[in-house]
Structures are given as structure tokens and as C-alpha cells.
Amino acid sequence: MRPERSLKRRIAQSFALLAFILSLFFCLVSYTAVEVIESEVMDDRLEKIIEVLIAHNSRQEQYVPPPGISIFIGDGIPQELRSVQPGIQELLLHGRESQALVRDHNGGRYAVVQDMTQFEHLEFVIFSSLGIGFITSLLLALIVGLATARSIVAPLTALADAVAASTRPSALPGVDADDEIGILARAFAHRTEELQQFLSRERLFTSDVSHELRTPLTIMLGAAELLKLRLNNSPGQQEIAERIRRVAAETTERVSALLLLSRAPEKLAGTVVSVNSLVRIELERYSPLLVGKSVEWRFEEADGVWAQGRPELIGIAVGNLVRNAFQHTECGDVTVRLRHGCIVIEDTGPGLPESIAQRLFERFVHGRETSTEGTGLGLSIVKRVTEHLGWDIRFEQPEQGGSRFVLEFPPVAPGH
């Protein structure tokens, strides 16, 4: 699993995002509140004080300002305030942060000054606290998110590890839980039990097939060898007996390979084999299918093409494709091209409908929708064999019609 897409990380990120949004909201609210206090409450206070100051001065009465407020009239106004425009001003007065309200009235100038040093310090403390709280909220959200994610993901990880380790369905962790983990565990247990039963039935079936096929094939092989010995004086018939013997022997090998592929593909260690000779053998094997047809086949080969794999499996893959081409082509030609790393089998047959071409390598899918010939397993077997060999297979439809199958494989040097 890619770390950036892990469920644990996404849960922690969700917590952090929620904390970020909420903290940012509260910071904005707090900042707005401070600004409102400064602009509305404190400015309004200065307005009221200057109104009282002007009224007292008009009556030539002395006015004593509240604590923290300084008042100035006429020539007593500091030099910093004499040239400013009337209204609220923020400035440094005698080296201290101050807020002043200047007003002109009946030819005289009045100024009310409030020392803002304490308020600025308080504002700094508030904003610093908000910043620290913002960062702390994110860190706490990440910690809580990771802890929560770990507690949520841990049962899932344990369940996945148990499934990967082929644990018995009844022993899967969380199978008795009454939450979503329990639902998932029971679904896994049910599905795993079904798969185990299916695999058990398949193993029994392949064992029975192995027993039932090997016995008649062994009899055929022995009978062909005995018939060949008795036909020493008939070379033509002896050749037929040898062909029967060779086909029976190759079929025995292929049955063994397919059964092993079905039950234990990891045991199918391959060797370096000549692809040229294997393709020629398959062409000769299925050439009788062209008897009576106006079809010619050609084999265009490069010299010394080698591949890694079991020869019987390579023969199965190539043989199925050659047989299909020979069997379904009624006129024209079949061309097999062998290059280093590639086998191309092309025919001028009827081709395939688009709906079939998309599902061609699935089991029980026939090359033609109305066909009842064959079991529809040939190409699915080819696909399975090529996957085991590490080869690639693809189907193409030539512009001139027909079918083209391309087998690609990693070429190797002989003896490697």
C-alpha cells in the first residue's frame, strides 16, 4: 500500500484538517473581537471624553480626566499633534504607544490622548496565545488522529495478516465482534471457507483426472511401442505407430504439466529451450487439420531463438494458437513468424466479433458466438500458461481481416 494513501494517514489528516479549520475560525473570531474592542469601545470612550472636555472648557471649568487619559488644549498640545488632521490618530508620544483624538472647535484645538502601551501588551499576549493554541491544537489533533487511526486500523491490519497467512476462517480476529470489523471479518471468513472448499474439490478432481488419464495414456504408449516393433517390415505403418507413440508420450507430459500448473505452479522450474524446434513440432502436429482445405501455411523464423520455460507448457501455448488458426481458416493462408522475443500467428480466417474479442481469454468463451465446437477453454489455458511463463499474449485484428495472436517473451541466450 502506498503510504500517502494509507487509511491511518488519511484519518490523521482528517483530524488535523478539522483542527485547522476550527482553530482558524476561533482565531478569526478572537481577532475580530479585539479589533472591535479597540475601534468601538476605546474610540467611543475618547469621543465622550473630548465632548466633556470641550463643554468644561467652554464654561471655563477645569476638567480632571480619567486615569490613563491626558488632555491638551490650544498651545498646550504636543508638537506631534499640532499638524495632524482631526480625528483618531495612533502615534508614538514621548516614546510610548498612544491613541489620540484631535478635534477643532470654535477656533481652538483639543486633544485627548490615551496611553496604549498596556493595551498593546495585552493584545500581543492575546494574539500570541491564539498562535500557540493554534499550533498546539494541530499537534494534539495529529496525535489524537494517529492514536485513533491506529486503534481503528489495527483490527483491519490483523485481519488482513490473518487472511494472508491462511488462518482458519473460525480463527480470524474480530469474527465475534458486533461492529463493522466483525461484519467484515465474518464476510472474509465466509468467503475464505467457500474458497477453501472449492480448492479442496479442485484438488480431488485433479487427482482423479491424473489417475484416470495417466492409465489409458500409459496403455496407449505401451501399445504404440509394441505395434511399432511388430511393424518392422512395414515402414509406412511403422511411421504411423511412431506418431501415435510420440503423441501419447507428449500428451502424458502435458497432462502432468497442466495438473502441476493447477495444483503447484511454483514447482514448474523451467529450462532454456529452443523455440524454433517447439514451433516446428506444433506446426507439424496440427498440419493434418488443413487436409482438404485450400490453405497454405508458412513459417518465417529467425535463427537461434531461445526462451526460459517448460517445453511442454510452451508447446501448449503455441499449439493451441496454431490449432485454432488451422481449424478455423477455410481458405487463404496461416503465417507463423518467429523473432527473438516474439511469436506472431496470423490467419485469414473469419476473425472475431468485437464482443468476443474483449472476453477472448476468459473460460468457456468460444471464438464465435454461435459456435458449439470445443469447450472454450483453449485460450484461457494459453493465458494461464503465458502468465506462469512470464510471457504476454494479445489479440489483434488485421485490417485485411482474420486474426493475429502475438506472444511476447524475454529471449535468452542458449545455455543460460
Protein backbone atom coordinates (compact mmCIF):
# COMPACT_ATOMS: atom_id res chain seq x y z
CA MET A 1 0.00 0.00 0.00
CA ARG A 2 1.30 3.46 -0.82
CA PRO A 3 1.96 5.32 2.49
CA GLU A 4 0.30 8.54 1.32
CA ARG A 5 -2.91 6.62 0.59
CA SER A 6 -2.97 4.56 3.80
CA LEU A 7 -6.15 4.66 5.85
CA LYS A 8 -4.19 5.53 9.01
CA ARG A 9 -2.67 8.61 7.38
CA ARG A 10 -5.98 9.74 5.91
CA ILE A 11 -7.69 9.54 9.33
CA ALA A 12 -4.89 11.56 10.96
CA GLN A 13 -5.05 14.12 8.14
CA SER A 14 -8.81 14.44 8.64
CA PHE A 15 -8.31 15.17 12.35
CA ALA A 16 -5.60 17.74 11.54
CA LEU A 17 -7.78 19.39 8.89
CA LEU A 18 -10.72 19.63 11.29
CA ALA A 19 -8.48 21.12 13.99
CA PHE A 20 -7.03 23.59 11.50
CA ILE A 21 -10.47 24.79 10.38
CA LEU A 22 -11.84 25.13 13.93
CA SER A 23 -8.70 26.80 15.29
CA LEU A 24 -8.61 29.21 12.37
CA PHE A 25 -12.26 30.05 12.96
CA PHE A 26 -11.72 30.80 16.66
CA CYS A 27 -8.58 32.83 15.87
CA LEU A 28 -10.54 34.94 13.40
CA VAL A 29 -13.35 35.42 15.92
CA SER A 30 -10.90 36.43 18.66
CA TYR A 31 -9.02 38.79 16.35
CA THR A 32 -12.28 40.41 15.30
CA ALA A 33 -13.33 40.80 18.94
CA VAL A 34 -10.05 42.55 19.84
CA GLU A 35 -10.35 44.88 16.87
CA VAL A 36 -13.97 45.67 17.76
CA ILE A 37 -12.95 46.49 21.34
CA GLU A 38 -10.21 48.76 20.08
CA SER A 39 -12.26 50.53 17.42
CA GLU A 40 -15.65 50.68 19.11
CA VAL A 41 -15.17 50.73 22.87
CA MET A 42 -11.93 52.68 23.16
CA ASP A 43 -12.67 55.09 20.31
CA ASP A 44 -16.13 55.73 21.75
CA ARG A 45 -14.54 56.43 25.15
CA LEU A 46 -12.27 59.08 23.64
CA GLU A 47 -15.23 60.66 21.85
CA LYS A 48 -17.15 61.02 25.11
CA ILE A 49 -14.14 62.39 26.98
CA ILE A 50 -13.40 65.05 24.37
CA GLU A 51 -17.06 66.13 24.37
CA VAL A 52 -16.90 66.63 28.13
CA LEU A 53 -13.54 68.43 27.81
CA ILE A 54 -14.93 70.90 25.26
CA ALA A 55 -18.02 71.51 27.40
CA HIS A 56 -15.92 72.21 30.51
CA ASN A 57 -13.57 74.44 28.60
CA SER A 58 -16.50 76.43 27.18
CA ARG A 59 -17.67 77.09 30.73
CA GLN A 60 -14.08 77.79 31.73
CA GLU A 61 -14.24 74.92 34.19
CA GLN A 62 -11.35 72.66 34.98
CA TYR A 63 -11.76 69.02 33.83
CA VAL A 64 -9.97 66.13 35.51
CA PRO A 65 -9.64 63.23 33.02
CA PRO A 66 -9.96 59.53 33.96
CA PRO A 67 -6.78 57.58 34.83
CA GLY A 68 -4.60 56.86 31.79
CA ILE A 69 -6.05 59.79 29.81
CA SER A 70 -4.16 63.01 29.04
CA ILE A 71 -5.89 66.17 27.78
CA PHE A 72 -4.38 69.06 25.85
CA ILE A 73 -5.87 72.42 24.80
CA GLY A 74 -4.56 75.01 22.38
CA ASP A 75 -0.89 75.81 22.86
CA GLY A 76 -0.53 73.02 25.35
CA ILE A 77 -0.99 70.41 22.60
CA PRO A 78 2.26 68.46 21.92
CA GLN A 79 4.11 69.29 18.72
CA GLU A 80 3.33 65.81 17.29
CA LEU A 81 -0.43 66.58 17.37
CA ARG A 82 -0.45 70.17 16.09
CA SER A 83 -0.05 69.31 12.41
CA VAL A 84 -2.22 66.19 12.24
CA GLN A 85 -5.71 66.06 10.81
CA PRO A 86 -8.63 65.99 13.25
CA GLY A 87 -9.81 62.51 14.19
CA ILE A 88 -8.43 59.36 15.74
CA GLN A 89 -4.66 59.01 15.46
CA GLU A 90 -2.24 56.29 16.54
CA LEU A 91 1.30 57.52 17.22
CA LEU A 92 4.34 57.41 19.44
CA LEU A 93 4.07 60.10 22.07
CA HIS A 94 7.02 60.52 24.43
CA GLY A 95 8.22 57.10 23.29
CA ARG A 96 5.01 55.29 24.17
CA GLU A 97 2.28 53.79 22.01
CA SER A 98 -0.66 56.19 22.20
CA GLN A 99 -4.06 56.77 20.65
CA ALA A 100 -5.18 60.38 20.29
CA LEU A 101 -8.42 62.07 19.31
CA VAL A 102 -7.91 65.57 17.89
CA ARG A 103 -10.79 67.97 17.33
CA ASP A 104 -11.06 71.63 16.30
CA HIS A 105 -13.89 73.61 17.95
CA ASN A 106 -14.64 77.35 17.75
CA GLY A 107 -11.12 78.16 16.59
CA GLY A 108 -9.45 76.06 19.25
CA ARG A 109 -7.84 72.64 19.10
CA TYR A 110 -8.44 69.94 21.64
CA ALA A 111 -6.64 66.61 22.04
CA VAL A 112 -7.35 63.61 24.21
CA VAL A 113 -4.56 61.04 24.42
CA GLN A 114 -4.80 57.54 25.80
CA ASP A 115 -1.70 55.52 26.66
CA MET A 116 -1.98 52.25 24.65
CA THR A 117 1.13 50.53 25.99
CA GLN A 118 -0.78 48.27 28.34
CA PHE A 119 -3.43 47.53 25.74
CA GLU A 120 -0.80 46.74 23.07
CA HIS A 121 0.89 44.38 25.51
CA LEU A 122 -2.45 42.74 26.26
CA GLU A 123 -3.16 42.49 22.53
CA PHE A 124 0.25 40.86 21.99
CA VAL A 125 -0.44 38.35 24.76
CA ILE A 126 -3.85 37.51 23.28
CA PHE A 127 -2.52 37.02 19.74
CA SER A 128 0.48 35.02 21.00
CA SER A 129 -1.85 32.80 23.00
CA LEU A 130 -4.01 32.30 19.94
CA GLY A 131 -0.96 31.35 17.86
CA ILE A 132 0.30 28.92 20.49
CA GLY A 133 -3.19 27.47 20.86
CA PHE A 134 -3.48 27.12 17.07
CA ILE A 135 -0.21 25.17 16.77
CA THR A 136 -0.97 23.13 19.88
CA SER A 137 -4.41 22.22 18.51
CA LEU A 138 -2.85 20.95 15.29
CA LEU A 139 -0.28 18.89 17.17
CA LEU A 140 -2.89 17.45 19.51
CA ALA A 141 -5.14 16.70 16.54
CA LEU A 142 -2.32 14.81 14.84
CA ILE A 143 -1.51 12.86 17.99
CA VAL A 144 -5.16 12.02 18.69
CA GLY A 145 -5.73 11.30 15.00
CA LEU A 146 -2.79 8.89 14.81
CA ALA A 147 -3.83 7.18 18.03
CA THR A 148 -7.42 6.88 16.84
CA ALA A 149 -6.33 5.71 13.40
CA ARG A 150 -4.06 3.11 14.96
CA SER A 151 -6.88 1.76 17.10
CA ILE A 152 -9.21 1.68 14.07
CA VAL A 153 -6.74 0.25 11.58
CA ALA A 154 -5.11 -2.28 13.93
CA PRO A 155 -8.04 -4.77 13.73
CA LEU A 156 -8.10 -4.38 9.94
CA THR A 157 -4.35 -5.00 9.71
CA ALA A 158 -4.63 -8.02 11.98
CA LEU A 159 -7.48 -9.34 9.87
CA ALA A 160 -5.53 -8.80 6.64
CA ASP A 161 -2.45 -10.54 8.09
CA ALA A 162 -4.57 -13.47 9.25
CA VAL A 163 -6.18 -13.82 5.81
CA ALA A 164 -2.77 -13.60 4.12
CA ALA A 165 -1.48 -16.29 6.49
CA SER A 166 -4.39 -18.60 5.52
CA THR A 167 -5.73 -18.68 9.07
CA ARG A 168 -8.74 -20.89 9.62
CA PRO A 169 -11.97 -18.89 8.99
CA SER A 170 -13.24 -19.51 12.52
CA ALA A 171 -9.97 -18.20 13.99
CA LEU A 172 -9.93 -14.88 12.14
CA PRO A 173 -9.53 -11.91 14.55
CA GLY A 174 -12.69 -9.88 15.13
CA VAL A 175 -15.03 -12.56 13.82
CA ASP A 176 -17.09 -12.37 17.04
CA ALA A 177 -17.17 -8.55 17.22
CA ASP A 178 -20.52 -6.80 16.87
CA ASP A 179 -19.19 -3.76 14.97
CA GLU A 180 -18.20 -3.14 11.35
CA ILE A 181 -14.93 -5.04 11.90
CA GLY A 182 -16.96 -8.08 12.91
CA ILE A 183 -19.12 -7.77 9.79
CA LEU A 184 -16.02 -7.60 7.61
CA ALA A 185 -14.33 -10.48 9.44
CA ARG A 186 -17.39 -12.70 9.08
CA ALA A 187 -17.61 -11.85 5.37
CA PHE A 188 -13.94 -12.78 4.98
CA ALA A 189 -14.48 -15.97 6.94
CA HIS A 190 -17.46 -16.99 4.83
CA ARG A 191 -15.65 -16.23 1.57
CA THR A 192 -12.45 -17.94 2.72
CA GLU A 193 -14.36 -21.04 3.72
CA GLU A 194 -16.03 -21.16 0.31
CA LEU A 195 -12.67 -20.79 -1.45
CA GLN A 196 -11.07 -23.48 0.69
CA GLN A 197 -13.92 -25.86 -0.10
CA PHE A 198 -13.59 -25.05 -3.80
CA LEU A 199 -9.83 -25.62 -3.74
CA SER A 200 -10.31 -28.87 -1.89
CA ARG A 201 -12.80 -30.07 -4.51
CA GLU A 202 -10.44 -28.97 -7.30
CA ARG A 203 -7.52 -30.86 -5.78
CA LEU A 204 -9.65 -34.01 -5.52
CA PHE A 205 -10.78 -33.53 -9.10
CA THR A 206 -7.25 -33.04 -10.44
CA SER A 207 -6.09 -36.10 -8.53
CA ASP A 208 -8.88 -38.14 -10.09
CA VAL A 209 -8.10 -36.71 -13.54
CA SER A 210 -4.44 -37.52 -13.08
CA HIS A 211 -5.25 -41.11 -12.19
CA GLU A 212 -7.87 -41.59 -14.89
CA LEU A 213 -5.78 -40.06 -17.71
CA ARG A 214 -2.40 -41.49 -16.91
CA THR A 215 -3.59 -45.08 -17.02
CA PRO A 216 -5.07 -45.03 -20.57
CA LEU A 217 -2.20 -42.90 -21.81
CA THR A 218 0.30 -45.40 -20.42
CA ILE A 219 -1.61 -48.22 -22.13
CA MET A 220 -1.63 -46.25 -25.42
CA LEU A 221 2.07 -45.57 -25.12
CA GLY A 222 2.90 -49.23 -24.48
CA ALA A 223 0.60 -50.42 -27.25
CA ALA A 224 2.16 -47.98 -29.73
CA GLU A 225 5.68 -49.16 -28.85
CA LEU A 226 4.63 -52.80 -29.21
CA LEU A 227 2.88 -52.05 -32.52
CA LYS A 228 5.98 -50.30 -33.82
CA LEU A 229 8.10 -53.35 -33.04
CA ARG A 230 5.67 -55.64 -34.86
CA LEU A 231 5.65 -53.42 -37.94
CA ASN A 232 9.35 -53.62 -38.71
CA ASN A 233 8.55 -54.90 -42.18
CA SER A 234 6.03 -52.12 -42.91
CA PRO A 235 7.87 -48.76 -42.76
CA GLY A 236 4.77 -46.77 -43.68
CA GLN A 237 2.64 -48.24 -40.91
CA GLN A 238 5.60 -48.13 -38.51
CA GLU A 239 5.74 -44.37 -39.07
CA ILE A 240 2.07 -44.12 -38.09
CA ALA A 241 2.73 -46.20 -34.96
CA GLU A 242 5.67 -43.95 -34.07
CA ARG A 243 3.47 -40.90 -34.46
CA ILE A 244 0.87 -42.43 -32.12
CA ARG A 245 3.59 -43.24 -29.61
CA ARG A 246 5.05 -39.73 -29.80
CA VAL A 247 1.65 -38.07 -29.37
CA ALA A 248 0.81 -40.31 -26.41
CA ALA A 249 4.16 -39.51 -24.75
CA GLU A 250 3.77 -35.75 -25.33
CA THR A 251 0.18 -35.86 -24.09
CA THR A 252 1.33 -37.59 -20.91
CA GLU A 253 3.89 -34.85 -20.34
CA ARG A 254 1.33 -32.12 -20.98
CA VAL A 255 -1.24 -33.68 -18.68
CA SER A 256 1.38 -33.80 -15.94
CA ALA A 257 2.36 -30.19 -16.61
CA LEU A 258 -1.23 -28.91 -16.62
CA LEU A 259 -2.09 -30.80 -13.45
CA LEU A 260 1.01 -29.45 -11.73
CA LEU A 261 0.18 -25.96 -13.02
CA SER A 262 -3.27 -26.31 -11.47
CA ARG A 263 -2.02 -27.56 -8.13
CA ALA A 264 1.53 -26.27 -7.59
CA PRO A 265 2.74 -23.88 -10.34
CA GLU A 266 5.73 -22.81 -8.21
CA LYS A 267 7.23 -26.30 -8.72
CA LEU A 268 7.37 -25.89 -12.50
CA ALA A 269 11.01 -24.91 -12.85
CA GLY A 270 11.92 -24.19 -16.47
CA THR A 271 15.00 -24.68 -18.61
CA VAL A 272 16.40 -22.92 -21.67
CA VAL A 273 14.66 -24.40 -24.72
CA SER A 274 14.79 -23.83 -28.46
CA VAL A 275 11.61 -22.08 -29.53
CA ASN A 276 12.34 -22.86 -33.20
CA SER A 277 12.05 -26.61 -32.73
CA LEU A 278 8.96 -26.32 -30.49
CA VAL A 279 7.08 -24.21 -33.04
CA ARG A 280 8.03 -26.58 -35.88
CA ILE A 281 6.78 -29.57 -33.86
CA GLU A 282 3.42 -27.89 -33.24
CA LEU A 283 3.05 -26.93 -36.91
CA GLU A 284 3.72 -30.50 -37.99
CA ARG A 285 1.40 -31.86 -35.30
CA TYR A 286 -1.62 -29.88 -36.47
CA SER A 287 -0.91 -29.73 -40.21
CA PRO A 288 -3.33 -32.65 -40.88
CA LEU A 289 -6.15 -30.21 -39.95
CA LEU A 290 -5.53 -28.47 -43.28
CA VAL A 291 -6.07 -31.59 -45.38
CA GLY A 292 -8.78 -30.89 -47.94
CA LYS A 293 -8.64 -27.09 -47.41
CA SER A 294 -7.23 -24.51 -49.80
CA VAL A 295 -5.00 -23.16 -47.05
CA GLU A 296 -1.22 -22.81 -47.08
CA TRP A 297 0.90 -22.27 -44.01
CA ARG A 298 4.27 -20.56 -43.78
CA PHE A 299 6.84 -20.48 -41.04
CA GLU A 300 9.12 -17.45 -41.06
CA GLU A 301 11.75 -17.87 -38.38
CA ALA A 302 14.85 -16.17 -37.08
CA ASP A 303 17.78 -18.41 -36.26
CA GLY A 304 18.51 -19.47 -32.71
CA VAL A 305 15.50 -18.24 -30.74
CA TRP A 306 15.66 -19.43 -27.13
CA ALA A 307 13.40 -18.94 -24.13
CA GLN A 308 13.22 -19.93 -20.47
CA GLY A 309 10.40 -22.31 -19.52
CA ARG A 310 9.00 -25.82 -19.54
CA PRO A 311 8.91 -27.07 -23.15
CA GLU A 312 5.55 -28.79 -22.67
CA LEU A 313 3.99 -25.53 -21.43
CA ILE A 314 5.44 -23.54 -24.33
CA GLY A 315 4.15 -26.25 -26.65
CA ILE A 316 0.67 -25.96 -25.08
CA ALA A 317 0.58 -22.20 -25.66
CA VAL A 318 1.87 -22.32 -29.23
CA GLY A 319 -0.06 -25.49 -30.10
CA ASN A 320 -3.44 -24.09 -29.07
CA LEU A 321 -2.94 -20.98 -31.19
CA VAL A 322 -1.71 -22.98 -34.20
CA ARG A 323 -4.61 -25.43 -33.89
CA ASN A 324 -7.16 -22.61 -33.75
CA ALA A 325 -5.65 -20.96 -36.81
CA PHE A 326 -5.60 -24.23 -38.81
CA GLN A 327 -9.04 -25.29 -37.64
CA HIS A 328 -10.93 -22.04 -38.35
CA THR A 329 -9.23 -20.99 -41.58
CA GLU A 330 -11.06 -22.44 -44.60
CA CYS A 331 -9.11 -20.64 -47.33
CA GLY A 332 -6.11 -18.37 -47.66
CA ASP A 333 -3.05 -18.86 -45.51
CA VAL A 334 -1.69 -19.15 -41.98
CA THR A 335 1.61 -17.44 -41.22
CA VAL A 336 3.74 -18.04 -38.17
CA ARG A 337 6.57 -15.55 -37.62
CA LEU A 338 9.23 -16.27 -35.03
CA ARG A 339 11.53 -13.50 -33.91
CA HIS A 340 13.75 -13.03 -30.89
CA GLY A 341 11.25 -12.33 -28.13
CA CYS A 342 8.11 -12.65 -30.23
CA ILE A 343 5.87 -15.24 -31.92
CA VAL A 344 3.14 -13.99 -34.28
CA ILE A 345 0.43 -16.38 -35.51
CA GLU A 346 -1.76 -14.78 -38.19
CA ASP A 347 -4.52 -16.27 -40.33
CA THR A 348 -7.02 -15.19 -42.96
CA GLY A 349 -9.96 -16.82 -41.20
CA PRO A 350 -13.31 -15.24 -40.30
CA GLY A 351 -11.91 -13.15 -37.44
CA LEU A 352 -13.78 -12.41 -34.23
CA PRO A 353 -16.71 -10.15 -33.32
CA GLU A 354 -15.81 -7.19 -31.10
CA SER A 355 -17.92 -8.54 -28.22
CA ILE A 356 -15.98 -11.82 -28.25
CA ALA A 357 -12.56 -10.21 -28.73
CA GLN A 358 -12.92 -8.34 -25.44
CA ARG A 359 -13.54 -11.58 -23.49
CA LEU A 360 -11.41 -13.89 -25.58
CA PHE A 361 -9.18 -15.22 -22.80
CA GLU A 362 -12.00 -15.94 -20.36
CA ARG A 363 -13.01 -19.53 -19.67
CA PHE A 364 -15.81 -21.08 -21.75
CA VAL A 365 -15.75 -18.23 -24.29
CA HIS A 366 -15.89 -19.53 -27.87
CA GLY A 367 -14.27 -17.76 -30.77
CA ARG A 368 -17.67 -17.37 -32.42
CA GLU A 369 -20.87 -16.55 -30.56
CA THR A 370 -22.87 -19.31 -32.26
CA SER A 371 -20.12 -21.92 -32.10
CA THR A 372 -20.73 -25.17 -30.24
CA GLU A 373 -17.37 -26.69 -31.18
CA GLY A 374 -14.85 -27.13 -28.38
CA THR A 375 -15.12 -26.26 -24.71
CA GLY A 376 -13.99 -22.64 -24.84
CA LEU A 377 -11.03 -23.45 -22.57
CA GLY A 378 -8.15 -23.38 -25.07
CA LEU A 379 -7.34 -19.68 -24.97
CA SER A 380 -7.94 -19.42 -21.23
CA ILE A 381 -5.37 -22.20 -20.78
CA VAL A 382 -2.99 -20.32 -23.08
CA LYS A 383 -3.47 -17.20 -20.96
CA ARG A 384 -2.78 -19.09 -17.76
CA VAL A 385 0.31 -20.76 -19.22
CA THR A 386 1.75 -17.48 -20.51
CA GLU A 387 1.19 -15.83 -17.13
CA HIS A 388 3.11 -18.64 -15.46
CA LEU A 389 5.91 -18.38 -18.02
CA GLY A 390 6.09 -14.61 -17.61
CA TRP A 391 5.05 -14.09 -21.22
CA ASP A 392 2.49 -11.67 -22.67
CA ILE A 393 -0.25 -12.53 -25.14
CA ARG A 394 -2.52 -10.18 -27.05
CA PHE A 395 -5.05 -10.45 -29.83
CA GLU A 396 -5.11 -8.14 -32.84
CA GLN A 397 -7.48 -7.85 -35.78
CA PRO A 398 -5.57 -7.17 -39.01
CA GLU A 399 -7.03 -4.57 -41.38
CA GLN A 400 -7.36 -7.18 -44.15
CA GLY A 401 -9.39 -9.45 -41.83
CA GLY A 402 -8.62 -12.63 -39.97
CA SER A 403 -6.91 -12.93 -36.60
CA ARG A 404 -3.48 -12.27 -35.20
CA PHE A 405 -2.12 -13.53 -31.89
CA VAL A 406 1.15 -12.15 -30.57
CA LEU A 407 3.19 -13.96 -27.92
CA GLU A 408 5.97 -11.86 -26.39
CA PHE A 409 8.64 -13.40 -24.19
CA PRO A 410 12.05 -12.44 -22.80
CA PRO A 411 14.65 -14.01 -25.11
CA VAL A 412 17.68 -15.72 -23.54
CA ALA A 413 20.99 -16.94 -24.84
CA PRO A 414 21.47 -20.72 -25.18
CA GLY A 415 22.98 -22.34 -22.10
CA HIS A 416 21.85 -19.54 -19.71
